[in-house]
PDB file of all heavy atoms in Angstrom:
ATOM      1  N   ASN A   1       0.796  -1.230   0.000  1.00  0.00           N
ATOM      2  CA  ASN A   1       0.000   0.000   0.000  1.00  0.00           C
ATOM      3  C   ASN A   1       0.829   1.279   0.000  1.00  0.00           C
ATOM      4  O   ASN A   1       0.361   2.330   0.426  1.00  0.00           O
ATOM      5  CB  ASN A   1      -0.976   0.004   1.180  1.00  0.00           C
ATOM      6  CG  ASN A   1      -0.252  -0.083   2.506  1.00  0.00           C
ATOM      7  OD1 ASN A   1       0.943  -0.224   2.543  1.00  0.00           O
ATOM      8  ND2 ASN A   1      -1.019  -0.013   3.594  1.00  0.00           N
ATOM      9  N   ALA A   2       2.064   1.213  -0.519  1.00  0.00           N
ATOM     10  CA  ALA A   2       2.865   2.425  -0.699  1.00  0.00           C
ATOM     11  C   ALA A   2       3.112   2.604  -2.191  1.00  0.00           C
ATOM     12  O   ALA A   2       3.465   1.656  -2.891  1.00  0.00           O
ATOM     13  CB  ALA A   2       4.189   2.320   0.040  1.00  0.00           C
ATOM     14  N   LEU A   3       2.918   3.813  -2.675  1.00  0.00           N
ATOM     15  CA  LEU A   3       3.037   4.093  -4.107  1.00  0.00           C
ATOM     16  C   LEU A   3       3.774   5.417  -4.285  1.00  0.00           C
ATOM     17  O   LEU A   3       3.387   6.435  -3.705  1.00  0.00           O
ATOM     18  CB  LEU A   3       1.630   4.170  -4.728  1.00  0.00           C
ATOM     19  CG  LEU A   3       1.521   4.646  -6.173  1.00  0.00           C
ATOM     20  CD1 LEU A   3       2.225   3.669  -7.102  1.00  0.00           C
ATOM     21  CD2 LEU A   3       0.040   4.775  -6.570  1.00  0.00           C
ATOM     22  N   SER A   4       4.867   5.391  -5.044  1.00  0.00           N
ATOM     23  CA  SER A   4       5.619   6.617  -5.353  1.00  0.00           C
ATOM     24  C   SER A   4       5.895   6.625  -6.853  1.00  0.00           C
ATOM     25  O   SER A   4       6.877   6.046  -7.309  1.00  0.00           O
ATOM     26  CB  SER A   4       6.927   6.684  -4.561  1.00  0.00           C
ATOM     27  OG  SER A   4       7.677   5.504  -4.748  1.00  0.00           O
ATOM     28  N   PRO A   5       5.015   7.231  -7.652  1.00  0.00           N
ATOM     29  CA  PRO A   5       5.120   7.164  -9.115  1.00  0.00           C
ATOM     30  C   PRO A   5       6.487   7.562  -9.651  1.00  0.00           C
ATOM     31  O   PRO A   5       6.928   7.042 -10.677  1.00  0.00           O
ATOM     32  CB  PRO A   5       4.039   8.113  -9.587  1.00  0.00           C
ATOM     33  CG  PRO A   5       3.027   8.110  -8.488  1.00  0.00           C
ATOM     34  CD  PRO A   5       3.822   7.997  -7.226  1.00  0.00           C
ATOM     35  N   ASN A   6       7.174   8.478  -8.974  1.00  0.00           N
ATOM     36  CA  ASN A   6       8.478   8.930  -9.454  1.00  0.00           C
ATOM     37  C   ASN A   6       9.628   8.354  -8.625  1.00  0.00           C
ATOM     38  O   ASN A   6      10.758   8.835  -8.699  1.00  0.00           O
ATOM     39  CB  ASN A   6       8.553  10.460  -9.416  1.00  0.00           C
ATOM     40  CG  ASN A   6       7.480  11.102 -10.279  1.00  0.00           C
ATOM     41  OD1 ASN A   6       7.217  10.640 -11.389  1.00  0.00           O
ATOM     42  ND2 ASN A   6       6.834  12.139  -9.769  1.00  0.00           N
ATOM     43  N   GLY A   7       9.325   7.350  -7.826  1.00  0.00           N
ATOM     44  CA  GLY A   7      10.332   6.806  -6.936  1.00  0.00           C
ATOM     45  C   GLY A   7      10.530   5.317  -7.093  1.00  0.00           C
ATOM     46  O   GLY A   7      10.377   4.762  -8.186  1.00  0.00           O
ATOM     47  N   ALA A   8      10.824   4.662  -5.976  1.00  0.00           N
ATOM     48  CA  ALA A   8      11.171   3.240  -6.000  1.00  0.00           C
ATOM     49  C   ALA A   8       9.971   2.327  -6.182  1.00  0.00           C
ATOM     50  O   ALA A   8      10.129   1.175  -6.583  1.00  0.00           O
ATOM     51  CB  ALA A   8      11.910   2.874  -4.710  1.00  0.00           C
ATOM     52  N   ASN A   9       8.752   2.794  -5.876  1.00  0.00           N
ATOM     53  CA  ASN A   9       7.532   1.971  -5.987  1.00  0.00           C
ATOM     54  C   ASN A   9       6.553   2.661  -6.926  1.00  0.00           C
ATOM     55  O   ASN A   9       5.579   3.278  -6.493  1.00  0.00           O
ATOM     56  CB  ASN A   9       6.913   1.768  -4.609  1.00  0.00           C
ATOM     57  CG  ASN A   9       7.874   1.142  -3.623  1.00  0.00           C
ATOM     58  OD1 ASN A   9       8.383   0.052  -3.869  1.00  0.00           O
ATOM     59  ND2 ASN A   9       8.143   1.825  -2.527  1.00  0.00           N
ATOM     60  N   PRO A  10       6.801   2.562  -8.232  1.00  0.00           N
ATOM     61  CA  PRO A  10       6.022   3.360  -9.183  1.00  0.00           C
ATOM     62  C   PRO A  10       4.604   2.852  -9.446  1.00  0.00           C
ATOM     63  O   PRO A  10       3.805   3.566 -10.058  1.00  0.00           O
ATOM     64  CB  PRO A  10       6.860   3.298 -10.456  1.00  0.00           C
ATOM     65  CG  PRO A  10       7.603   2.000 -10.351  1.00  0.00           C
ATOM     66  CD  PRO A  10       7.879   1.800  -8.896  1.00  0.00           C
ATOM     67  N   VAL A  11       4.274   1.635  -9.000  1.00  0.00           N
ATOM     68  CA  VAL A  11       2.934   1.107  -9.257  1.00  0.00           C
ATOM     69  C   VAL A  11       2.352   0.527  -7.969  1.00  0.00           C
ATOM     70  O   VAL A  11       3.079   0.178  -7.036  1.00  0.00           O
ATOM     71  CB  VAL A  11       2.947   0.026 -10.362  1.00  0.00           C
ATOM     72  CG1 VAL A  11       3.474   0.582 -11.665  1.00  0.00           C
ATOM     73  CG2 VAL A  11       3.761  -1.187  -9.932  1.00  0.00           C
ATOM     74  N   PHE A  12       1.047   0.435  -7.965  1.00  0.00           N
ATOM     75  CA  PHE A  12       0.309  -0.182  -6.857  1.00  0.00           C
ATOM     76  C   PHE A  12       0.337  -1.696  -7.095  1.00  0.00           C
ATOM     77  O   PHE A  12      -0.290  -2.199  -8.024  1.00  0.00           O
ATOM     78  CB  PHE A  12      -1.111   0.362  -6.822  1.00  0.00           C
ATOM     79  CG  PHE A  12      -2.010  -0.299  -5.810  1.00  0.00           C
ATOM     80  CD1 PHE A  12      -1.578  -0.600  -4.526  1.00  0.00           C
ATOM     81  CD2 PHE A  12      -3.322  -0.629  -6.148  1.00  0.00           C
ATOM     82  CE1 PHE A  12      -2.408  -1.203  -3.612  1.00  0.00           C
ATOM     83  CE2 PHE A  12      -4.172  -1.225  -5.237  1.00  0.00           C
ATOM     84  CZ  PHE A  12      -3.708  -1.512  -3.959  1.00  0.00           C
ATOM     85  N   THR A  13       1.110  -2.425  -6.263  1.00  0.00           N
ATOM     86  CA  THR A  13       1.327  -3.849  -6.478  1.00  0.00           C
ATOM     87  C   THR A  13       0.382  -4.678  -5.625  1.00  0.00           C
ATOM     88  O   THR A  13       0.300  -4.486  -4.409  1.00  0.00           O
ATOM     89  CB  THR A  13       2.778  -4.233  -6.142  1.00  0.00           C
ATOM     90  OG1 THR A  13       3.657  -3.487  -6.980  1.00  0.00           O
ATOM     91  CG2 THR A  13       3.016  -5.726  -6.361  1.00  0.00           C
ATOM     92  N   ILE A  14      -0.319  -5.608  -6.314  1.00  0.00           N
ATOM     93  CA  ILE A  14      -1.159  -6.592  -5.623  1.00  0.00           C
ATOM     94  C   ILE A  14      -0.578  -7.949  -6.012  1.00  0.00           C
ATOM     95  O   ILE A  14      -0.950  -8.551  -7.024  1.00  0.00           O
ATOM     96  CB  ILE A  14      -2.638  -6.476  -6.036  1.00  0.00           C
ATOM     97  CG1 ILE A  14      -3.118  -5.032  -5.911  1.00  0.00           C
ATOM     98  CG2 ILE A  14      -3.497  -7.411  -5.199  1.00  0.00           C
ATOM     99  CD1 ILE A  14      -4.527  -4.810  -6.441  1.00  0.00           C
ATOM    100  N   GLU A  15       0.361  -8.429  -5.215  1.00  0.00           N
ATOM    101  CA  GLU A  15       1.130  -9.613  -5.572  1.00  0.00           C
ATOM    102  C   GLU A  15       0.240 -10.854  -5.647  1.00  0.00           C
ATOM    103  O   GLU A  15      -0.644 -11.058  -4.821  1.00  0.00           O
ATOM    104  CB  GLU A  15       2.249  -9.823  -4.554  1.00  0.00           C
ATOM    105  CG  GLU A  15       3.277 -10.855  -4.988  1.00  0.00           C
ATOM    106  CD  GLU A  15       4.475 -10.901  -4.062  1.00  0.00           C
ATOM    107  OE1 GLU A  15       4.358 -10.440  -2.902  1.00  0.00           O
ATOM    108  OE2 GLU A  15       5.524 -11.395  -4.505  1.00  0.00           O
ATOM    109  N   TYR A  16       0.497 -11.667  -6.689  1.00  0.00           N
ATOM    110  CA  TYR A  16      -0.167 -12.950  -6.945  1.00  0.00           C
ATOM    111  C   TYR A  16      -1.592 -12.825  -7.479  1.00  0.00           C
ATOM    112  O   TYR A  16      -2.224 -13.841  -7.780  1.00  0.00           O
ATOM    113  CB  TYR A  16      -0.204 -13.836  -5.688  1.00  0.00           C
ATOM    114  CG  TYR A  16       1.147 -14.109  -5.076  1.00  0.00           C
ATOM    115  CD1 TYR A  16       1.316 -14.035  -3.700  1.00  0.00           C
ATOM    116  CD2 TYR A  16       2.243 -14.463  -5.863  1.00  0.00           C
ATOM    117  CE1 TYR A  16       2.559 -14.290  -3.120  1.00  0.00           C
ATOM    118  CE2 TYR A  16       3.477 -14.718  -5.293  1.00  0.00           C
ATOM    119  CZ  TYR A  16       3.633 -14.640  -3.928  1.00  0.00           C
ATOM    120  OH  TYR A  16       4.844 -14.888  -3.348  1.00  0.00           O
ATOM    121  N   ILE A  17      -2.110 -11.619  -7.642  1.00  0.00           N
ATOM    122  CA  ILE A  17      -3.517 -11.497  -8.039  1.00  0.00           C
ATOM    123  C   ILE A  17      -3.776 -12.110  -9.411  1.00  0.00           C
ATOM    124  O   ILE A  17      -4.862 -12.652  -9.667  1.00  0.00           O
ATOM    125  CB  ILE A  17      -3.978 -10.012  -7.995  1.00  0.00           C
ATOM    126  CG1 ILE A  17      -5.513  -9.951  -8.106  1.00  0.00           C
ATOM    127  CG2 ILE A  17      -3.302  -9.188  -9.081  1.00  0.00           C
ATOM    128  CD1 ILE A  17      -6.067  -8.571  -7.813  1.00  0.00           C
ATOM    129  N   GLU A  18      -2.767 -12.065 -10.283  1.00  0.00           N
ATOM    130  CA  GLU A  18      -2.953 -12.604 -11.629  1.00  0.00           C
ATOM    131  C   GLU A  18      -2.626 -14.093 -11.711  1.00  0.00           C
ATOM    132  O   GLU A  18      -2.859 -14.711 -12.762  1.00  0.00           O
ATOM    133  CB  GLU A  18      -2.093 -11.821 -12.629  1.00  0.00           C
ATOM    134  CG  GLU A  18      -0.608 -12.159 -12.617  1.00  0.00           C
ATOM    135  CD  GLU A  18       0.163 -11.441 -11.518  1.00  0.00           C
ATOM    136  OE1 GLU A  18      -0.435 -10.964 -10.525  1.00  0.00           O
ATOM    137  OE2 GLU A  18       1.391 -11.376 -11.638  1.00  0.00           O
ATOM    138  N   LEU A  19      -2.114 -14.683 -10.628  1.00  0.00           N
ATOM    139  CA  LEU A  19      -1.702 -16.083 -10.654  1.00  0.00           C
ATOM    140  C   LEU A  19      -2.702 -17.028 -10.008  1.00  0.00           C
ATOM    141  O   LEU A  19      -2.852 -18.174 -10.442  1.00  0.00           O
ATOM    142  CB  LEU A  19      -0.338 -16.232  -9.952  1.00  0.00           C
ATOM    143  CG  LEU A  19       0.845 -15.460 -10.569  1.00  0.00           C
ATOM    144  CD1 LEU A  19       2.083 -15.664  -9.721  1.00  0.00           C
ATOM    145  CD2 LEU A  19       1.084 -15.908 -12.000  1.00  0.00           C
ATOM    146  N   ILE A  20      -3.342 -16.584  -8.983  1.00  0.00           N
ATOM    147  CA  ILE A  20      -4.245 -17.465  -8.230  1.00  0.00           C
ATOM    148  C   ILE A  20      -5.579 -17.572  -8.971  1.00  0.00           C
ATOM    149  O   ILE A  20      -6.185 -16.547  -9.328  1.00  0.00           O
ATOM    150  CB  ILE A  20      -4.458 -16.913  -6.813  1.00  0.00           C
ATOM    151  CG1 ILE A  20      -3.094 -16.822  -6.099  1.00  0.00           C
ATOM    152  CG2 ILE A  20      -5.432 -17.775  -6.031  1.00  0.00           C
ATOM    153  CD1 ILE A  20      -3.169 -16.160  -4.743  1.00  0.00           C
ATOM    154  N   PRO A  21      -6.018 -18.794  -9.250  1.00  0.00           N
ATOM    155  CA  PRO A  21      -7.275 -18.955 -10.002  1.00  0.00           C
ATOM    156  C   PRO A  21      -8.448 -18.197  -9.377  1.00  0.00           C
ATOM    157  O   PRO A  21      -9.296 -17.665 -10.107  1.00  0.00           O
ATOM    158  CB  PRO A  21      -7.509 -20.468  -9.978  1.00  0.00           C
ATOM    159  CG  PRO A  21      -6.132 -21.057  -9.857  1.00  0.00           C
ATOM    160  CD  PRO A  21      -5.377 -20.112  -8.990  1.00  0.00           C
ATOM    161  N   GLU A  22      -8.519 -18.132  -8.071  1.00  0.00           N
ATOM    162  CA  GLU A  22      -9.642 -17.450  -7.411  1.00  0.00           C
ATOM    163  C   GLU A  22      -9.583 -15.937  -7.554  1.00  0.00           C
ATOM    164  O   GLU A  22     -10.571 -15.258  -7.319  1.00  0.00           O
ATOM    165  CB  GLU A  22      -9.655 -17.798  -5.918  1.00  0.00           C
ATOM    166  CG  GLU A  22     -10.085 -19.220  -5.605  1.00  0.00           C
ATOM    167  CD  GLU A  22     -10.150 -19.432  -4.094  1.00  0.00           C
ATOM    168  OE1 GLU A  22      -9.149 -19.109  -3.421  1.00  0.00           O
ATOM    169  OE2 GLU A  22     -11.188 -19.889  -3.604  1.00  0.00           O
ATOM    170  N   THR A  23      -8.393 -15.399  -7.897  1.00  0.00           N
ATOM    171  CA  THR A  23      -8.255 -13.932  -7.908  1.00  0.00           C
ATOM    172  C   THR A  23      -7.982 -13.353  -9.291  1.00  0.00           C
ATOM    173  O   THR A  23      -7.956 -12.128  -9.450  1.00  0.00           O
ATOM    174  CB  THR A  23      -7.122 -13.505  -6.960  1.00  0.00           C
ATOM    175  OG1 THR A  23      -5.870 -14.039  -7.441  1.00  0.00           O
ATOM    176  CG2 THR A  23      -7.376 -14.000  -5.551  1.00  0.00           C
ATOM    177  N   LYS A  24      -7.773 -14.221 -10.300  1.00  0.00           N
ATOM    178  CA  LYS A  24      -7.422 -13.704 -11.624  1.00  0.00           C
ATOM    179  C   LYS A  24      -8.528 -12.835 -12.205  1.00  0.00           C
ATOM    180  O   LYS A  24      -8.254 -11.806 -12.842  1.00  0.00           O
ATOM    181  CB  LYS A  24      -7.124 -14.870 -12.582  1.00  0.00           C
ATOM    182  CG  LYS A  24      -5.841 -15.605 -12.251  1.00  0.00           C
ATOM    183  CD  LYS A  24      -5.625 -16.818 -13.141  1.00  0.00           C
ATOM    184  CE  LYS A  24      -5.419 -16.414 -14.585  1.00  0.00           C
ATOM    185  NZ  LYS A  24      -5.061 -17.584 -15.416  1.00  0.00           N
ATOM    186  N   ASN A  25      -9.773 -13.229 -12.010  1.00  0.00           N
ATOM    187  CA  ASN A  25     -10.909 -12.414 -12.474  1.00  0.00           C
ATOM    188  C   ASN A  25     -11.293 -11.477 -11.331  1.00  0.00           C
ATOM    189  O   ASN A  25     -11.882 -11.896 -10.331  1.00  0.00           O
ATOM    190  CB  ASN A  25     -12.084 -13.296 -12.877  1.00  0.00           C
ATOM    191  CG  ASN A  25     -11.732 -14.201 -14.051  1.00  0.00           C
ATOM    192  OD1 ASN A  25     -11.021 -13.786 -14.949  1.00  0.00           O
ATOM    193  ND2 ASN A  25     -12.231 -15.434 -14.028  1.00  0.00           N
ATOM    194  N   ASN A  26     -10.941 -10.223 -11.482  1.00  0.00           N
ATOM    195  CA  ASN A  26     -11.105  -9.287 -10.373  1.00  0.00           C
ATOM    196  C   ASN A  26     -11.509  -7.905 -10.870  1.00  0.00           C
ATOM    197  O   ASN A  26     -11.474  -7.629 -12.078  1.00  0.00           O
ATOM    198  CB  ASN A  26      -9.796  -9.195  -9.577  1.00  0.00           C
ATOM    199  CG  ASN A  26      -8.644  -8.725 -10.449  1.00  0.00           C
ATOM    200  OD1 ASN A  26      -8.593  -7.562 -10.850  1.00  0.00           O
ATOM    201  ND2 ASN A  26      -7.718  -9.631 -10.768  1.00  0.00           N
ATOM    202  N   SER A  27     -11.855  -7.077  -9.907  1.00  0.00           N
ATOM    203  CA  SER A  27     -12.167  -5.673 -10.183  1.00  0.00           C
ATOM    204  C   SER A  27     -11.544  -4.839  -9.076  1.00  0.00           C
ATOM    205  O   SER A  27     -11.755  -5.116  -7.888  1.00  0.00           O
ATOM    206  CB  SER A  27     -13.683  -5.454 -10.227  1.00  0.00           C
ATOM    207  OG  SER A  27     -13.975  -4.087 -10.391  1.00  0.00           O
ATOM    208  N   VAL A  28     -10.720  -3.829  -9.459  1.00  0.00           N
ATOM    209  CA  VAL A  28     -10.034  -2.987  -8.489  1.00  0.00           C
ATOM    210  C   VAL A  28     -10.493  -1.544  -8.680  1.00  0.00           C
ATOM    211  O   VAL A  28     -10.512  -1.032  -9.809  1.00  0.00           O
ATOM    212  CB  VAL A  28      -8.503  -3.089  -8.660  1.00  0.00           C
ATOM    213  CG1 VAL A  28      -7.787  -2.144  -7.691  1.00  0.00           C
ATOM    214  CG2 VAL A  28      -8.031  -4.533  -8.446  1.00  0.00           C
ATOM    215  N   THR A  29     -10.855  -0.914  -7.558  1.00  0.00           N
ATOM    216  CA  THR A  29     -11.315   0.477  -7.598  1.00  0.00           C
ATOM    217  C   THR A  29     -10.514   1.287  -6.587  1.00  0.00           C
ATOM    218  O   THR A  29     -10.258   0.824  -5.472  1.00  0.00           O
ATOM    219  CB  THR A  29     -12.811   0.573  -7.263  1.00  0.00           C
ATOM    220  OG1 THR A  29     -13.545  -0.297  -8.136  1.00  0.00           O
ATOM    221  CG2 THR A  29     -13.316   1.992  -7.424  1.00  0.00           C
ATOM    222  N   ILE A  30     -10.107   2.507  -6.991  1.00  0.00           N
ATOM    223  CA  ILE A  30      -9.358   3.420  -6.132  1.00  0.00           C
ATOM    224  C   ILE A  30     -10.234   4.658  -5.869  1.00  0.00           C
ATOM    225  O   ILE A  30     -10.825   5.232  -6.798  1.00  0.00           O
ATOM    226  CB  ILE A  30      -8.025   3.846  -6.790  1.00  0.00           C
ATOM    227  CG1 ILE A  30      -7.211   2.627  -7.245  1.00  0.00           C
ATOM    228  CG2 ILE A  30      -7.213   4.715  -5.829  1.00  0.00           C
ATOM    229  CD1 ILE A  30      -6.768   1.720  -6.144  1.00  0.00           C
ATOM    230  N   PHE A  31     -10.313   5.073  -4.562  1.00  0.00           N
ATOM    231  CA  PHE A  31     -11.110   6.227  -4.154  1.00  0.00           C
ATOM    232  C   PHE A  31     -10.198   7.259  -3.483  1.00  0.00           C
ATOM    233  O   PHE A  31      -9.179   6.913  -2.881  1.00  0.00           O
ATOM    234  CB  PHE A  31     -12.189   5.818  -3.139  1.00  0.00           C
ATOM    235  CG  PHE A  31     -13.108   4.724  -3.631  1.00  0.00           C
ATOM    236  CD1 PHE A  31     -12.812   3.383  -3.400  1.00  0.00           C
ATOM    237  CD2 PHE A  31     -14.296   5.051  -4.309  1.00  0.00           C
ATOM    238  CE1 PHE A  31     -13.656   2.382  -3.836  1.00  0.00           C
ATOM    239  CE2 PHE A  31     -15.132   4.038  -4.737  1.00  0.00           C
ATOM    240  CZ  PHE A  31     -14.827   2.706  -4.511  1.00  0.00           C
ATOM    241  N   ASP A  32     -10.616   8.537  -3.597  1.00  0.00           N
ATOM    242  CA  ASP A  32      -9.907   9.545  -2.806  1.00  0.00           C
ATOM    243  C   ASP A  32     -10.523   9.583  -1.411  1.00  0.00           C
ATOM    244  O   ASP A  32     -11.431   8.810  -1.080  1.00  0.00           O
ATOM    245  CB  ASP A  32      -9.932  10.907  -3.499  1.00  0.00           C
ATOM    246  CG  ASP A  32     -11.333  11.477  -3.649  1.00  0.00           C
ATOM    247  OD1 ASP A  32     -12.267  11.004  -2.936  1.00  0.00           O
ATOM    248  OD2 ASP A  32     -11.530  12.401  -4.455  1.00  0.00           O
ATOM    249  N   ARG A  33     -10.045  10.473  -0.560  1.00  0.00           N
ATOM    250  CA  ARG A  33     -10.500  10.487   0.834  1.00  0.00           C
ATOM    251  C   ARG A  33     -11.955  10.941   0.993  1.00  0.00           C
ATOM    252  O   ARG A  33     -12.526  10.811   2.068  1.00  0.00           O
ATOM    253  CB  ARG A  33      -9.590  11.364   1.673  1.00  0.00           C
ATOM    254  CG  ARG A  33      -9.510  12.810   1.222  1.00  0.00           C
ATOM    255  CD  ARG A  33      -8.579  13.580   2.125  1.00  0.00           C
ATOM    256  NE  ARG A  33      -8.402  14.959   1.684  1.00  0.00           N
ATOM    257  CZ  ARG A  33      -7.729  15.871   2.364  1.00  0.00           C
ATOM    258  NH1 ARG A  33      -7.185  15.541   3.526  1.00  0.00           N
ATOM    259  NH2 ARG A  33      -7.599  17.101   1.913  1.00  0.00           N
ATOM    260  N   TRP A  34     -12.546  11.489  -0.078  1.00  0.00           N
ATOM    261  CA  TRP A  34     -13.970  11.885  -0.023  1.00  0.00           C
ATOM    262  C   TRP A  34     -14.847  10.810  -0.661  1.00  0.00           C
ATOM    263  O   TRP A  34     -15.993  11.047  -0.972  1.00  0.00           O
ATOM    264  CB  TRP A  34     -14.152  13.214  -0.749  1.00  0.00           C
ATOM    265  CG  TRP A  34     -13.414  14.344  -0.050  1.00  0.00           C
ATOM    266  CD1 TRP A  34     -13.791  14.982   1.085  1.00  0.00           C
ATOM    267  CD2 TRP A  34     -12.195  14.916  -0.462  1.00  0.00           C
ATOM    268  NE1 TRP A  34     -12.879  15.937   1.447  1.00  0.00           N
ATOM    269  CE2 TRP A  34     -11.842  15.927   0.491  1.00  0.00           C
ATOM    270  CE3 TRP A  34     -11.294  14.713  -1.502  1.00  0.00           C
ATOM    271  CZ2 TRP A  34     -10.696  16.692   0.403  1.00  0.00           C
ATOM    272  CZ3 TRP A  34     -10.157  15.490  -1.581  1.00  0.00           C
ATOM    273  CH2 TRP A  34      -9.866  16.465  -0.637  1.00  0.00           C
TER     274      TRP A  34
END
């Protein structure tokens, strides 16, 4: 849950989400604080 687009962590990583059969079909949504 740390993201620094211009730094060492340029993407939001969800490890294994594309590998596990139960999680490959997914939907991810990002919200601001409001």
